[in-house]
Amino acid sequence: MNTRICIIGSGPTGIFTLKTLVASPVPLIISVFDAELVAGKGTPYLPGANDPVMLSNIPSIEIPLLMETLVDWLNRQSDDYLSTFSINRSSINDREFYPRLVIGDYFHDQFQAILSVGKTNGHRVEVYPGHRVNDIELGTTDIRVKVSSFDGDFDAVFDHVVMATGHNWPENTQVKPGYFASPWPATELQEIGHGRLGILGTSLSGIDALLTVATSCGSFVCDDGGTLQYVTSAGHQDFHATMMSRKGLLPEADFYCPLPYIEPQICTYEAIQNEVNIGSQGLLDRVFDLFQRELLAADPDYSAEIGLSHLSVDTFADAYYGRRSDTDPFVWAATNLAEAHLNFQLQFTIPWRYAILITHEIIEKAIPHLDTTDLTRFNRSFKGIFIDQYATVPHLSIRRLLALRNAGRLDILKLGSDYDIETEGLERGARIRTGDREQQFSSFIDATGQSSLSVRELPFPTLLKQRGIQAANTPEPARRFMDGESVNLKKTGGIEIDEAYRPRGATALSNRLYCVAIPFLLHKRPFVQGITSAAELGKTAANAILADIAVDQPPILRMA
């Protein structure tokens, strides 16, 4: 009997899972369920959820290969399609950034091509758009899923189930009049057209929210000198936005660097693994020592400038943000954009930036092994500097922000760590209190992005009741006693998984469930976001399934 596999979700993670599975020489029966009516795109790239002005922050060169590269796919599209998104055919290249809707179309076509490969290779692949999986029940040898659709509810039984449910956004975006708990779907933001707009978050999600509203209230045009300008439409002359965050900083522009990443000299996977093997006590400081030495070797001048030799894991972020924190964010953005643009022309890489970028995924390998004290220290300061480097944004996004600023339509508010967001007593929007200051906004968007989710937030009640998934454990600092050391474990969020993303549950039921849903992994893998992570997650889970199937296959008898 052919192995039955269920993939819940057909976004990038589900697509990369499917791609690996259909390469199997053993015939499989694969069912792909997606709550959206269009399969093969993923929530971050769906029409309606995204506005054409929203740009993806990953270029073609960084997208792991599916059936063809994004550049090759774009070159196959019609002139009409390209003009819809203002893409100049002669300017298509593997380092350019394109609208999220374009990435969604690309993924959809790749998904269809993978389905064809699956059929050619003898697999039976069935896709169910508009079908939501509401529950998962583990059996001893199989797994039952409960599915709802417009045509009714039904149960289905599988040998393997992959949870590739992706991002988790609130069901109702506008939770109170004028207060939006998420920047998605973009269509709901387009009703915001008057008065003061407040946006919590200055990263790409916040920029996406801002530009969605801005383009519904006006347009971006280039003047005779080629400078991008913003002009409001009739009836929207009172439009003004304030972006805010704890630091009050804008993200920096994407910078030129060699891709794929060059191997670090000192802070390598092997070096990090050696420190992990020593134990959790003092692990974060030992990891920082490797990072510090890597940065010094890569860029001695920058290291001297920030006083690297005198910094610790707790003080590095202050030195890192240094002059940037003391400079007007728009002045810094304009200067940084000019530098990044020139470096692309020269194909020059700033060494210290690249050293931070290429070590973030390596250092992440140590995070699951930190004790509670070090995990708190890491999250408080050190984590952010890596996010700042890998979450740089398209140059066009920065140019649009500067155009809004020059038009007097945008400012930045530094909140600090002590602020309150209030909606009580307001007919619409929200007010922000920082110390003795107060600002009120007629519309407010929380654009802080996807946060990590805990076990209790899993949408599968039977799986929770069965204890098929457990909260991730983090060791507390060792305590010394007369007869040795004692280490207690504390549940600190996320889910407990093995190296193949199988949840570790307190049950002897099937272990053929795979959780590659990013929000439930963020606690111990804080950088597992984006398309490259989706590819790694999907490929790992699929290879584990194929390895399991290979064990179950009877041996091939050969005639002497």
Protein backbone atom coordinates (compact mmCIF):
# COMPACT_ATOMS: atom_id res chain seq x y z
CA MET A 1 0.00 0.00 0.00
CA ASN A 2 1.34 3.44 -0.95
CA THR A 3 2.35 5.77 1.86
CA ARG A 4 -0.21 8.51 2.55
CA ILE A 5 1.23 11.96 3.28
CA CYS A 6 -0.62 15.12 4.28
CA ILE A 7 0.85 18.63 3.89
CA ILE A 8 -1.11 21.31 5.74
CA GLY A 9 -0.38 24.56 3.92
CA SER A 10 0.82 25.27 0.38
CA GLY A 11 2.99 28.32 0.98
CA PRO A 12 6.78 28.24 0.46
CA THR A 13 7.41 25.66 3.22
CA GLY A 14 4.75 23.33 1.86
CA ILE A 15 6.02 23.80 -1.69
CA PHE A 16 9.61 22.93 -0.77
CA THR A 17 8.32 19.91 1.17
CA LEU A 18 6.41 18.74 -1.89
CA LYS A 19 9.36 19.31 -4.20
CA THR A 20 11.53 16.90 -2.20
CA LEU A 21 8.77 14.31 -1.81
CA VAL A 22 7.91 14.01 -5.51
CA ALA A 23 11.55 13.13 -6.26
CA SER A 24 11.01 9.83 -4.41
CA PRO A 25 11.30 6.67 -6.49
CA VAL A 26 8.65 5.08 -4.27
CA PRO A 27 5.06 5.98 -5.32
CA LEU A 28 3.34 8.22 -2.77
CA ILE A 29 -0.16 9.50 -2.14
CA ILE A 30 0.11 13.16 -1.16
CA SER A 31 -2.74 15.45 -0.10
CA VAL A 32 -2.15 19.20 0.19
CA PHE A 33 -4.72 21.19 2.18
CA ASP A 34 -4.81 24.98 2.20
CA ALA A 35 -7.34 27.23 3.92
CA GLU A 36 -6.91 29.84 1.17
CA LEU A 37 -8.93 29.59 -2.02
CA VAL A 38 -5.75 29.81 -4.12
CA ALA A 39 -3.16 27.12 -3.39
CA GLY A 40 0.55 27.46 -3.99
CA LYS A 41 1.23 31.09 -3.01
CA GLY A 42 1.39 31.49 0.75
CA THR A 43 -0.12 34.17 2.96
CA PRO A 44 2.76 36.69 2.60
CA TYR A 45 2.22 36.72 -1.19
CA LEU A 46 -1.55 36.46 -1.65
CA PRO A 47 -3.61 38.99 -3.64
CA GLY A 48 -5.82 40.95 -1.28
CA ALA A 49 -3.49 40.29 1.62
CA ASN A 50 -0.83 42.37 -0.15
CA ASP A 51 -0.84 45.66 -2.01
CA PRO A 52 1.19 46.01 -5.25
CA VAL A 53 3.39 48.57 -3.47
CA MET A 54 4.57 45.94 -0.95
CA LEU A 55 8.02 44.67 -1.88
CA SER A 56 9.57 41.34 -0.96
CA ASN A 57 12.98 41.66 0.72
CA ILE A 58 14.53 38.62 -0.96
CA PRO A 59 16.10 38.78 -4.46
CA SER A 60 16.12 35.94 -6.97
CA ILE A 61 19.72 35.00 -6.16
CA GLU A 62 18.73 34.11 -2.58
CA ILE A 63 15.62 32.03 -3.34
CA PRO A 64 16.53 28.31 -3.18
CA LEU A 65 15.98 26.70 -6.56
CA LEU A 66 12.56 25.29 -7.36
CA MET A 67 11.90 24.38 -11.01
CA GLU A 68 13.43 27.62 -12.34
CA THR A 69 14.86 30.82 -10.91
CA LEU A 70 12.74 33.90 -10.36
CA VAL A 71 14.78 35.76 -13.00
CA ASP A 72 14.19 33.06 -15.61
CA TRP A 73 10.48 33.03 -14.76
CA LEU A 74 10.24 36.82 -15.03
CA ASN A 75 11.92 36.78 -18.42
CA ARG A 76 9.20 34.39 -19.63
CA GLN A 77 6.37 36.73 -18.61
CA SER A 78 4.53 38.96 -21.06
CA ASP A 79 5.16 42.67 -21.41
CA ASP A 80 1.64 43.32 -20.12
CA TYR A 81 2.34 41.33 -16.94
CA LEU A 82 5.62 43.12 -16.30
CA SER A 83 4.11 46.55 -16.91
CA THR A 84 1.37 45.79 -14.36
CA PHE A 85 4.08 45.82 -11.69
CA SER A 86 6.26 48.51 -13.33
CA ILE A 87 9.01 45.99 -14.09
CA ASN A 88 11.37 46.98 -16.89
CA ARG A 89 12.39 43.84 -18.81
CA SER A 90 15.89 45.16 -19.49
CA SER A 91 16.39 45.77 -15.74
CA ILE A 92 15.49 42.25 -14.57
CA ASN A 93 18.39 40.86 -12.55
CA ASP A 94 19.05 38.38 -9.77
CA ARG A 95 19.68 41.04 -7.08
CA GLU A 96 16.57 43.13 -7.66
CA PHE A 97 13.55 43.14 -5.32
CA TYR A 98 10.05 42.58 -6.68
CA PRO A 99 6.51 43.04 -5.33
CA ARG A 100 5.19 40.33 -3.04
CA LEU A 101 2.37 39.67 -5.51
CA VAL A 102 4.95 38.82 -8.17
CA ILE A 103 6.66 36.38 -5.80
CA GLY A 104 3.25 34.80 -5.18
CA ASP A 105 2.65 34.31 -8.91
CA TYR A 106 6.12 32.81 -9.24
CA PHE A 107 5.51 30.34 -6.41
CA HIS A 108 2.12 29.40 -7.83
CA ASP A 109 3.66 28.53 -11.20
CA GLN A 110 6.45 26.56 -9.53
CA PHE A 111 3.86 24.70 -7.47
CA GLN A 112 1.99 23.72 -10.63
CA ALA A 113 5.23 22.54 -12.25
CA ILE A 114 6.05 20.41 -9.17
CA LEU A 115 2.58 18.85 -9.36
CA SER A 116 3.33 17.86 -12.97
CA VAL A 117 6.65 16.32 -11.93
CA GLY A 118 4.85 14.38 -9.22
CA LYS A 119 2.40 12.94 -11.72
CA THR A 120 5.22 12.06 -14.15
CA ASN A 121 7.11 10.27 -11.34
CA GLY A 122 4.11 8.09 -10.53
CA HIS A 123 2.81 9.90 -7.46
CA ARG A 124 -0.80 10.75 -6.73
CA VAL A 125 -0.92 14.36 -5.56
CA GLU A 126 -4.26 15.94 -4.68
CA VAL A 127 -4.62 19.63 -3.82
CA TYR A 128 -7.51 20.94 -1.73
CA PRO A 129 -7.76 24.77 -1.73
CA GLY A 130 -10.37 26.26 0.58
CA HIS A 131 -9.94 23.37 3.00
CA ARG A 132 -8.97 24.14 6.60
CA VAL A 133 -7.52 21.45 8.88
CA ASN A 134 -9.20 22.01 12.26
CA ASP A 135 -7.79 19.13 14.28
CA ILE A 136 -5.12 16.44 14.37
CA GLU A 137 -5.44 13.15 16.24
CA LEU A 138 -2.48 10.83 16.67
CA GLY A 139 -3.06 7.10 16.37
CA THR A 140 -0.60 4.34 17.15
CA THR A 141 0.38 3.87 13.50
CA ASP A 142 -1.45 6.66 11.65
CA ILE A 143 -2.69 10.23 12.04
CA ARG A 144 -6.24 11.49 11.53
CA VAL A 145 -6.95 15.05 10.41
CA LYS A 146 -10.32 16.77 10.55
CA VAL A 147 -11.02 19.05 7.60
CA SER A 148 -13.70 21.66 6.94
CA SER A 149 -14.65 23.22 3.61
CA PHE A 150 -17.57 24.92 1.90
CA ASP A 151 -18.78 21.46 0.85
CA GLY A 152 -18.81 20.10 4.40
CA ASP A 153 -16.54 18.47 6.97
CA PHE A 154 -14.69 15.18 6.72
CA ASP A 155 -11.88 13.14 8.29
CA ALA A 156 -8.84 11.73 6.50
CA VAL A 157 -6.17 9.32 7.71
CA PHE A 158 -2.46 9.55 6.82
CA ASP A 159 0.83 7.88 7.63
CA HIS A 160 2.70 11.21 7.81
CA VAL A 161 1.45 14.76 8.42
CA VAL A 162 3.47 17.95 7.84
CA MET A 163 2.25 21.11 9.60
CA ALA A 164 3.39 23.84 7.18
CA THR A 165 0.78 26.36 8.30
CA GLY A 166 3.11 29.35 8.03
CA HIS A 167 2.33 32.72 9.57
CA ASN A 168 -0.50 33.22 12.01
CA TRP A 169 -2.41 36.49 11.73
CA PRO A 170 -5.50 37.55 13.72
CA GLU A 171 -8.84 36.56 12.17
CA ASN A 172 -10.14 40.12 12.53
CA THR A 173 -7.60 42.76 11.52
CA GLN A 174 -9.58 45.78 12.70
CA VAL A 175 -10.25 44.73 16.28
CA LYS A 176 -11.64 48.17 17.24
CA PRO A 177 -12.67 51.12 15.06
CA GLY A 178 -9.47 52.48 13.58
CA TYR A 179 -7.24 50.00 15.46
CA PHE A 180 -5.64 47.32 13.27
CA ALA A 181 -3.92 44.39 15.01
CA SER A 182 -2.02 43.46 11.85
CA PRO A 183 -0.95 45.09 8.57
CA TRP A 184 -2.62 42.23 6.68
CA PRO A 185 -4.78 41.94 4.69
CA ALA A 186 -3.76 45.11 2.91
CA THR A 187 -7.26 45.66 1.54
CA GLU A 188 -8.49 46.52 5.05
CA LEU A 189 -5.88 49.25 5.41
CA GLN A 190 -6.97 51.02 2.25
CA GLU A 191 -9.98 52.49 4.05
CA ILE A 192 -7.57 54.59 6.15
CA GLY A 193 -7.41 57.86 4.30
CA HIS A 194 -7.68 60.77 6.66
CA GLY A 195 -6.11 62.24 9.76
CA ARG A 196 -3.13 61.03 11.76
CA LEU A 197 -1.95 57.46 11.25
CA GLY A 198 0.19 55.71 13.87
CA ILE A 199 2.22 52.62 12.95
CA LEU A 200 3.87 50.51 15.64
CA GLY A 201 6.99 49.05 14.04
CA THR A 202 9.57 50.50 11.67
CA SER A 203 10.68 47.28 9.95
CA LEU A 204 9.56 46.16 6.49
CA SER A 205 6.12 45.17 7.85
CA GLY A 206 5.63 48.72 9.12
CA ILE A 207 6.89 50.13 5.83
CA ASP A 208 4.44 47.90 3.93
CA ALA A 209 1.56 49.16 6.06
CA LEU A 210 2.60 52.77 5.61
CA LEU A 211 2.99 52.53 1.84
CA THR A 212 -0.34 50.74 1.44
CA VAL A 213 -2.12 53.65 3.11
CA ALA A 214 0.09 56.27 1.42
CA THR A 215 -0.69 55.00 -2.09
CA SER A 216 -4.42 55.05 -1.31
CA CYS A 217 -4.04 58.73 -0.33
CA GLY A 218 -1.66 59.85 -3.06
CA SER A 219 1.07 58.72 -5.43
CA PHE A 220 4.84 58.59 -5.87
CA VAL A 221 6.20 60.35 -8.96
CA CYS A 222 9.66 61.26 -10.19
CA ASP A 223 10.41 64.92 -10.85
CA ASP A 224 12.45 66.17 -13.82
CA GLY A 225 15.68 65.53 -11.89
CA GLY A 226 14.76 61.91 -11.17
CA THR A 227 14.03 62.48 -7.46
CA LEU A 228 11.07 60.54 -6.11
CA GLN A 229 8.29 62.78 -4.79
CA TYR A 230 5.03 62.07 -2.96
CA VAL A 231 1.86 63.94 -3.91
CA THR A 232 -1.44 63.60 -2.04
CA SER A 233 -4.71 63.13 -3.88
CA ALA A 234 -7.67 65.48 -3.57
CA GLY A 235 -9.44 65.01 -0.26
CA HIS A 236 -6.38 63.55 1.52
CA GLN A 237 -4.51 66.74 2.34
CA ASP A 238 -4.65 65.93 6.07
CA PHE A 239 -2.87 62.57 5.70
CA HIS A 240 0.12 62.23 8.02
CA ALA A 241 1.85 59.14 9.44
CA THR A 242 4.04 58.50 12.45
CA MET A 243 6.10 55.32 12.57
CA MET A 244 7.28 54.33 16.03
CA SER A 245 9.47 51.75 17.73
CA ARG A 246 11.44 51.34 20.90
CA LYS A 247 14.68 52.60 19.30
CA GLY A 248 13.02 54.96 16.80
CA LEU A 249 15.32 53.73 13.99
CA LEU A 250 14.59 52.87 10.37
CA PRO A 251 15.98 49.68 8.83
CA GLU A 252 19.00 50.11 6.61
CA ALA A 253 19.16 49.61 2.86
CA ASP A 254 20.11 46.26 1.35
CA PHE A 255 23.88 46.08 0.90
CA TYR A 256 26.06 44.36 -1.66
CA CYS A 257 27.73 41.10 -0.58
CA PRO A 258 28.89 37.78 -2.03
CA LEU A 259 26.16 35.15 -2.33
CA PRO A 260 26.00 32.38 -1.30
CA TYR A 261 27.67 33.23 2.00
CA ILE A 262 31.43 32.82 2.39
CA GLU A 263 32.43 30.59 5.32
CA PRO A 264 33.50 32.58 8.42
CA GLN A 265 37.12 32.25 9.53
CA ILE A 266 36.58 31.77 13.27
CA CYS A 267 32.87 31.69 14.19
CA THR A 268 32.18 28.48 12.26
CA TYR A 269 29.58 25.74 12.73
CA GLU A 270 32.27 23.48 14.14
CA ALA A 271 33.44 26.10 16.62
CA ILE A 272 29.89 26.76 17.83
CA GLN A 273 29.20 23.02 18.15
CA ASN A 274 32.34 22.61 20.24
CA GLU A 275 31.07 25.26 22.65
CA VAL A 276 27.63 23.62 22.77
CA ASN A 277 29.29 20.31 23.63
CA ILE A 278 31.03 21.91 26.62
CA GLY A 279 27.65 22.75 28.18
CA SER A 280 25.12 25.53 28.69
CA GLN A 281 26.88 27.25 31.59
CA GLY A 282 28.60 30.35 30.14
CA LEU A 283 27.69 29.31 26.59
CA LEU A 284 26.50 32.72 25.41
CA ASP A 285 29.69 34.46 26.51
CA ARG A 286 31.81 31.82 24.77
CA VAL A 287 29.75 32.27 21.60
CA PHE A 288 30.21 36.04 21.81
CA ASP A 289 33.97 35.54 22.11
CA LEU A 290 33.93 33.66 18.78
CA PHE A 291 31.78 36.39 17.21
CA GLN A 292 34.07 39.09 18.60
CA ARG A 293 37.16 37.43 17.14
CA GLU A 294 35.41 36.96 13.78
CA LEU A 295 34.47 40.64 13.62
CA LEU A 296 37.97 41.74 14.58
CA ALA A 297 39.54 39.56 11.88
CA ALA A 298 37.07 40.78 9.25
CA ASP A 299 37.22 44.50 9.99
CA PRO A 300 39.92 45.78 12.41
CA ASP A 301 39.10 49.43 11.71
CA TYR A 302 35.42 49.07 12.59
CA SER A 303 36.33 47.01 15.65
CA ALA A 304 38.61 49.78 16.88
CA GLU A 305 35.99 52.43 16.14
CA ILE A 306 33.36 50.82 18.39
CA GLY A 307 35.86 49.64 21.04
CA LEU A 308 35.09 45.99 20.37
CA SER A 309 37.73 44.60 22.73
CA HIS A 310 35.97 46.26 25.69
CA LEU A 311 32.45 45.10 24.77
CA SER A 312 30.40 42.18 26.03
CA VAL A 313 27.33 40.42 24.73
CA ASP A 314 25.30 42.83 26.87
CA THR A 315 26.94 46.06 25.67
CA PHE A 316 27.68 45.32 22.01
CA ALA A 317 24.26 46.52 20.78
CA ASP A 318 24.73 49.98 22.34
CA ALA A 319 28.05 50.39 20.51
CA TYR A 320 26.61 48.91 17.32
CA TYR A 321 23.76 51.44 17.15
CA GLY A 322 26.04 54.21 18.50
CA ARG A 323 26.11 57.13 16.04
CA ARG A 324 22.95 55.90 14.32
CA SER A 325 20.91 56.40 17.50
CA ASP A 326 22.19 59.96 17.82
CA THR A 327 21.41 60.92 14.21
CA ASP A 328 18.08 61.95 12.73
CA PRO A 329 16.70 58.68 11.27
CA PHE A 330 15.91 60.25 7.89
CA VAL A 331 19.36 61.82 7.61
CA TRP A 332 20.87 58.46 8.43
CA ALA A 333 18.58 56.71 5.92
CA ALA A 334 19.56 59.07 3.10
CA THR A 335 23.28 58.70 3.82
CA ASN A 336 23.05 54.93 4.19
CA LEU A 337 21.06 54.64 0.95
CA ALA A 338 23.67 56.62 -0.99
CA GLU A 339 26.45 54.44 0.44
CA ALA A 340 24.61 51.20 -0.35
CA HIS A 341 23.83 52.36 -3.89
CA LEU A 342 27.47 53.23 -4.56
CA ASN A 343 28.69 49.92 -3.12
CA PHE A 344 26.38 48.02 -5.47
CA GLN A 345 27.87 49.90 -8.41
CA LEU A 346 31.40 49.13 -7.19
CA GLN A 347 30.46 45.61 -6.01
CA PHE A 348 32.08 46.45 -2.69
CA THR A 349 31.18 44.68 0.55
CA ILE A 350 31.51 46.39 3.92
CA PRO A 351 33.43 43.76 5.93
CA TRP A 352 31.82 44.25 9.36
CA ARG A 353 28.31 44.09 7.93
CA TYR A 354 29.07 40.87 6.11
CA ALA A 355 30.70 39.30 9.18
CA ILE A 356 27.51 39.84 11.18
CA LEU A 357 25.34 38.58 8.32
CA ILE A 358 27.20 35.32 7.70
CA THR A 359 27.37 34.38 11.39
CA HIS A 360 23.70 34.80 12.34
CA GLU A 361 22.55 31.34 11.21
CA ILE A 362 25.65 29.75 12.74
CA ILE A 363 25.16 31.42 16.11
CA GLU A 364 21.49 30.41 16.02
CA LYS A 365 22.61 26.78 16.43
CA ALA A 366 23.59 27.58 20.01
CA ILE A 367 20.30 29.25 21.01
CA PRO A 368 18.38 26.03 21.89
CA HIS A 369 21.18 25.16 24.35
CA LEU A 370 21.23 28.45 26.28
CA ASP A 371 19.98 28.45 29.86
CA THR A 372 17.14 30.75 30.89
CA THR A 373 19.44 33.56 32.01
CA ASP A 374 21.49 33.57 28.80
CA LEU A 375 18.39 33.23 26.62
CA THR A 376 17.01 36.38 28.23
CA ARG A 377 20.32 38.19 27.70
CA PHE A 378 20.43 37.10 24.06
CA ASN A 379 16.87 38.24 23.35
CA ARG A 380 17.33 41.54 25.17
CA SER A 381 20.20 42.91 23.11
CA PHE A 382 22.31 40.59 21.00
CA LYS A 383 19.54 39.11 18.82
CA GLY A 384 18.51 42.47 17.39
CA ILE A 385 21.82 43.28 15.73
CA PHE A 386 21.59 40.15 13.54
CA ILE A 387 17.99 40.93 12.59
CA ASP A 388 19.08 44.47 11.70
CA GLN A 389 21.58 43.11 9.18
CA TYR A 390 19.58 40.31 7.54
CA ALA A 391 16.33 42.36 7.48
CA THR A 392 17.70 45.23 5.42
CA VAL A 393 15.14 46.55 2.95
CA PRO A 394 14.92 47.34 -0.79
CA HIS A 395 16.37 50.68 -1.87
CA LEU A 396 13.03 51.69 -3.37
CA SER A 397 11.37 51.32 0.05
CA ILE A 398 13.88 53.77 1.57
CA ARG A 399 13.39 56.21 -1.33
CA ARG A 400 9.64 56.14 -0.75
CA LEU A 401 10.08 56.84 2.98
CA LEU A 402 12.32 59.79 2.18
CA ALA A 403 9.76 61.09 -0.33
CA LEU A 404 7.05 60.97 2.34
CA ARG A 405 9.34 62.76 4.77
CA ASN A 406 10.23 65.46 2.24
CA ALA A 407 6.51 65.98 1.60
CA GLY A 408 5.95 66.56 5.33
CA ARG A 409 3.82 63.41 5.60
CA LEU A 410 5.99 61.20 7.85
CA ASP A 411 7.89 61.33 11.10
CA ILE A 412 9.48 58.83 13.48
CA LEU A 413 8.74 58.49 17.19
CA LYS A 414 11.22 56.89 19.61
CA LEU A 415 9.17 55.14 22.28
CA GLY A 416 11.87 53.80 24.57
CA SER A 417 11.03 50.84 26.77
CA ASP A 418 8.29 52.51 28.84
CA TYR A 419 5.16 53.35 26.85
CA ASP A 420 1.45 52.54 26.81
CA ILE A 421 -0.98 52.07 23.94
CA GLU A 422 -4.55 52.91 24.91
CA THR A 423 -7.90 52.68 23.13
CA GLU A 424 -10.28 53.14 26.04
CA GLY A 425 -12.48 56.20 25.78
CA LEU A 426 -11.67 56.74 22.10
CA GLU A 427 -14.21 56.43 19.31
CA ARG A 428 -11.46 55.51 16.92
CA GLY A 429 -7.71 54.81 16.78
CA ALA A 430 -5.38 54.88 19.76
CA ARG A 431 -3.27 57.09 21.98
CA ILE A 432 0.37 56.59 22.91
CA ARG A 433 1.73 57.61 26.29
CA THR A 434 5.49 57.95 26.78
CA GLY A 435 6.40 59.45 30.11
CA ASP A 436 4.45 62.71 30.42
CA ARG A 437 3.83 62.95 26.66
CA GLU A 438 0.70 61.83 24.86
CA GLN A 439 -0.13 61.53 21.16
CA GLN A 440 -3.45 60.51 19.65
CA PHE A 441 -4.00 58.88 16.26
CA SER A 442 -7.25 58.53 14.35
CA SER A 443 -5.98 55.24 12.91
CA PHE A 444 -3.39 52.86 14.35
CA ILE A 445 -1.69 49.76 12.92
CA ASP A 446 0.31 47.19 14.91
CA ALA A 447 2.95 46.18 12.37
CA THR A 448 5.42 44.50 14.71
CA GLY A 449 5.33 41.29 12.68
CA GLN A 450 4.93 37.63 13.56
CA SER A 451 5.64 36.79 17.19
CA SER A 452 6.52 33.37 18.55
CA LEU A 453 3.58 31.17 19.55
CA SER A 454 3.30 28.72 22.42
CA VAL A 455 1.88 25.20 22.58
CA ARG A 456 -1.46 26.39 23.96
CA GLU A 457 -1.97 28.44 20.77
CA LEU A 458 -1.95 25.38 18.52
CA PRO A 459 -5.30 25.22 16.66
CA PHE A 460 -5.57 21.42 17.11
CA PRO A 461 -7.44 20.59 20.36
CA THR A 462 -7.20 16.79 20.17
CA LEU A 463 -3.45 16.93 19.61
CA LEU A 464 -3.14 19.11 22.71
CA LYS A 465 -5.38 16.81 24.74
CA GLN A 466 -3.26 13.83 23.72
CA ARG A 467 -0.13 15.72 24.79
CA GLY A 468 1.28 14.97 21.37
CA ILE A 469 3.20 18.23 21.50
CA GLN A 470 5.01 19.68 24.50
CA ALA A 471 6.36 23.12 25.35
CA ALA A 472 10.08 23.55 24.72
CA ASN A 473 12.30 23.24 27.76
CA THR A 474 15.14 25.61 28.61
CA PRO A 475 17.68 24.70 31.31
CA GLU A 476 17.92 27.02 34.28
CA PRO A 477 21.42 27.97 35.42
CA ALA A 478 23.13 25.11 37.27
CA ARG A 479 23.03 25.27 41.04
CA ARG A 480 25.89 23.81 43.03
CA PHE A 481 25.17 21.40 45.86
CA MET A 482 27.42 19.32 48.08
CA ASP A 483 26.98 16.27 45.87
CA GLY A 484 27.34 18.08 42.54
CA GLU A 485 25.32 20.32 40.20
CA SER A 486 21.59 20.32 39.66
CA VAL A 487 19.99 21.64 36.47
CA ASN A 488 16.24 22.26 36.36
CA LEU A 489 14.24 22.62 33.18
CA LYS A 490 11.81 25.47 32.64
CA LYS A 491 9.13 25.66 29.96
CA THR A 492 9.78 28.99 28.26
CA GLY A 493 7.70 28.87 25.08
CA GLY A 494 7.71 27.30 21.64
CA ILE A 495 7.49 23.56 21.11
CA GLU A 496 9.93 20.75 21.73
CA ILE A 497 11.12 19.16 18.47
CA ASP A 498 13.86 16.82 17.32
CA GLU A 499 16.34 17.42 14.49
CA ALA A 500 13.72 16.43 11.88
CA TYR A 501 11.08 18.81 13.33
CA ARG A 502 9.09 15.97 14.88
CA PRO A 503 7.39 17.22 18.07
CA ARG A 504 8.52 15.48 21.23
CA GLY A 505 5.30 14.59 23.03
CA ALA A 506 4.50 12.75 26.26
CA THR A 507 2.84 9.91 24.40
CA ALA A 508 3.69 6.61 22.74
CA LEU A 509 1.52 7.43 19.73
CA SER A 510 2.71 8.07 16.16
CA ASN A 511 5.87 10.18 15.83
CA ARG A 512 5.24 10.87 12.15
CA LEU A 513 3.96 14.39 12.67
CA TYR A 514 6.28 17.21 11.53
CA CYS A 515 5.95 20.79 12.72
CA VAL A 516 7.53 23.24 10.28
CA ALA A 517 5.12 26.04 11.20
CA ILE A 518 7.50 28.95 11.77
CA PRO A 519 5.67 30.78 14.62
CA PHE A 520 6.06 27.70 16.85
CA LEU A 521 9.79 27.46 16.13
CA LEU A 522 10.78 31.10 16.68
CA HIS A 523 11.43 30.77 20.41
CA LYS A 524 14.47 28.53 19.95
CA ARG A 525 15.23 29.46 16.34
CA PRO A 526 14.78 33.25 16.25
CA PHE A 527 16.12 33.68 12.71
CA VAL A 528 14.03 30.92 11.08
CA GLN A 529 12.07 33.33 8.91
CA GLY A 530 11.81 33.90 5.20
CA ILE A 531 12.01 31.75 2.09
CA THR A 532 15.48 30.30 2.73
CA SER A 533 14.27 28.98 6.08
CA ALA A 534 11.11 27.60 4.44
CA ALA A 535 13.29 25.63 2.02
CA GLU A 536 15.42 24.17 4.82
CA LEU A 537 12.38 23.25 6.93
CA GLY A 538 10.50 21.61 4.06
CA LYS A 539 13.49 19.70 2.77
CA THR A 540 14.43 18.41 6.23
CA ALA A 541 10.91 17.17 7.03
CA ALA A 542 10.48 15.59 3.59
CA ASN A 543 13.83 13.79 3.77
CA ALA A 544 12.90 12.42 7.20
CA ILE A 545 9.66 11.07 5.73
CA LEU A 546 11.49 9.48 2.80
CA ALA A 547 14.04 7.92 5.15
CA ASP A 548 11.21 6.48 7.23
CA ILE A 549 9.53 5.10 4.11
CA ALA A 550 12.78 3.51 2.95
CA VAL A 551 13.00 1.56 6.22
CA ASP A 552 9.45 0.26 5.70
CA GLN A 553 10.09 -0.88 2.13
CA PRO A 554 10.69 -4.62 1.59
CA PRO A 555 14.16 -5.50 0.29
CA ILE A 556 14.57 -5.88 -3.46
CA LEU A 557 15.34 -9.51 -4.36
CA ARG A 558 17.92 -9.93 -7.06
CA MET A 559 18.34 -13.09 -9.12
CA ALA A 560 21.76 -14.72 -8.96
